[in-house]
Amino acid sequence: MGRGRAKAKQQKVARALKYSTHDTDLTALQRELRGEPSANPPSVTEDHADDADDEYDPDDDWSSSRR
């Protein structure tokens, strides 16, 4: 019970998305489907996951009870 408003709002949003008109760049879509590079390539962020410094090294752990 109490789901009526939420469901009605979801339906309203779904209808708005379904029936609204969008300006679609068909030329860009055609290029993408052909596999051609885009005019504005996405920015590449630096990935630090491959850095050797980030790897776990058990010898780096400090312990006062080393024998």
C-alpha atoms as a PDB file:
ATOM      1  CA  MET A   1       0.000   0.000   0.000  1.00  0.00           C
ATOM      2  CA  GLY A   2       1.165   3.561  -0.585  1.00  0.00           C
ATOM      3  CA  ARG A   3       2.837   2.788  -3.888  1.00  0.00           C
ATOM      4  CA  GLY A   4       0.282   4.617  -6.029  1.00  0.00           C
ATOM      5  CA  ARG A   5       2.005   8.009  -6.121  1.00  0.00           C
ATOM      6  CA  ALA A   6       5.441   6.533  -6.799  1.00  0.00           C
ATOM      7  CA  LYS A   7       4.109   4.348  -9.594  1.00  0.00           C
ATOM      8  CA  ALA A   8       2.194   7.259 -11.137  1.00  0.00           C
ATOM      9  CA  LYS A   9       5.328   9.417 -11.063  1.00  0.00           C
ATOM     10  CA  GLN A  10       7.373   6.643 -12.704  1.00  0.00           C
ATOM     11  CA  GLN A  11       4.767   6.275 -15.431  1.00  0.00           C
ATOM     12  CA  LYS A  12       4.730  10.043 -16.004  1.00  0.00           C
ATOM     13  CA  VAL A  13       8.519  10.133 -16.371  1.00  0.00           C
ATOM     14  CA  ALA A  14       8.497   7.069 -18.643  1.00  0.00           C
ATOM     15  CA  ARG A  15       5.890   8.628 -20.919  1.00  0.00           C
ATOM     16  CA  ALA A  16       7.806  11.897 -21.059  1.00  0.00           C
ATOM     17  CA  LEU A  17      10.962  10.054 -22.099  1.00  0.00           C
ATOM     18  CA  LYS A  18       9.137   7.885 -24.605  1.00  0.00           C
ATOM     19  CA  TYR A  19       7.247  10.619 -26.401  1.00  0.00           C
ATOM     20  CA  SER A  20       9.613  13.577 -26.115  1.00  0.00           C
ATOM     21  CA  THR A  21      11.584  14.588 -29.178  1.00  0.00           C
ATOM     22  CA  HIS A  22      15.340  14.646 -28.972  1.00  0.00           C
ATOM     23  CA  ASP A  23      17.821  16.247 -31.325  1.00  0.00           C
ATOM     24  CA  THR A  24      19.770  13.214 -32.455  1.00  0.00           C
ATOM     25  CA  ASP A  25      23.048  13.675 -34.299  1.00  0.00           C
ATOM     26  CA  LEU A  26      22.508  11.034 -36.957  1.00  0.00           C
ATOM     27  CA  THR A  27      25.891  11.703 -38.571  1.00  0.00           C
ATOM     28  CA  ALA A  28      27.700  10.979 -35.306  1.00  0.00           C
ATOM     29  CA  LEU A  29      25.595   7.864 -34.815  1.00  0.00           C
ATOM     30  CA  GLN A  30      26.458   6.681 -38.312  1.00  0.00           C
ATOM     31  CA  ARG A  31      30.188   7.235 -37.655  1.00  0.00           C
ATOM     32  CA  GLU A  32      29.962   5.356 -34.377  1.00  0.00           C
ATOM     33  CA  LEU A  33      28.203   2.409 -35.959  1.00  0.00           C
ATOM     34  CA  ARG A  34      30.810   2.246 -38.722  1.00  0.00           C
ATOM     35  CA  GLY A  35      33.584   2.255 -36.114  1.00  0.00           C
ATOM     36  CA  GLU A  36      35.170   5.501 -37.234  1.00  0.00           C
ATOM     37  CA  PRO A  37      36.899   7.641 -34.612  1.00  0.00           C
ATOM     38  CA  SER A  38      34.821  10.519 -33.338  1.00  0.00           C
ATOM     39  CA  ALA A  39      35.777  14.156 -33.771  1.00  0.00           C
ATOM     40  CA  ASN A  40      35.820  14.630 -29.987  1.00  0.00           C
ATOM     41  CA  PRO A  41      37.445  11.568 -28.433  1.00  0.00           C
ATOM     42  CA  PRO A  42      36.662  11.010 -24.753  1.00  0.00           C
ATOM     43  CA  SER A  43      39.255  12.277 -22.327  1.00  0.00           C
ATOM     44  CA  VAL A  44      41.594   9.653 -20.985  1.00  0.00           C
ATOM     45  CA  THR A  45      42.216   9.665 -17.266  1.00  0.00           C
ATOM     46  CA  GLU A  46      45.448   8.420 -15.846  1.00  0.00           C
ATOM     47  CA  ASP A  47      45.073   4.967 -14.346  1.00  0.00           C
ATOM     48  CA  HIS A  48      47.323   4.303 -11.392  1.00  0.00           C
ATOM     49  CA  ALA A  49      46.284   0.669 -11.037  1.00  0.00           C
ATOM     50  CA  ASP A  50      49.252  -0.488 -13.113  1.00  0.00           C
ATOM     51  CA  ASP A  51      51.839   1.334 -11.029  1.00  0.00           C
ATOM     52  CA  ALA A  52      54.384  -0.964  -9.419  1.00  0.00           C
ATOM     53  CA  ASP A  53      54.406   1.259  -6.314  1.00  0.00           C
ATOM     54  CA  ASP A  54      50.810   0.330  -5.545  1.00  0.00           C
ATOM     55  CA  GLU A  55      51.431  -3.400  -5.405  1.00  0.00           C
ATOM     56  CA  TYR A  56      51.438  -5.139  -2.033  1.00  0.00           C
ATOM     57  CA  ASP A  57      54.853  -6.155  -0.809  1.00  0.00           C
ATOM     58  CA  PRO A  58      54.899  -8.166   2.434  1.00  0.00           C
ATOM     59  CA  ASP A  59      58.472  -7.021   3.134  1.00  0.00           C
ATOM     60  CA  ASP A  60      57.199  -3.443   3.465  1.00  0.00           C
ATOM     61  CA  ASP A  61      55.063  -4.294   6.490  1.00  0.00           C
ATOM     62  CA  TRP A  62      56.672  -3.102   9.667  1.00  0.00           C
ATOM     63  CA  SER A  63      56.287  -5.179  12.752  1.00  0.00           C
ATOM     64  CA  SER A  64      57.986  -4.791  16.094  1.00  0.00           C
ATOM     65  CA  SER A  65      57.880  -8.524  16.720  1.00  0.00           C
ATOM     66  CA  ARG A  66      60.077  -9.677  13.832  1.00  0.00           C
ATOM     67  CA  ARG A  67      62.283 -12.605  14.692  1.00  0.00           C
END
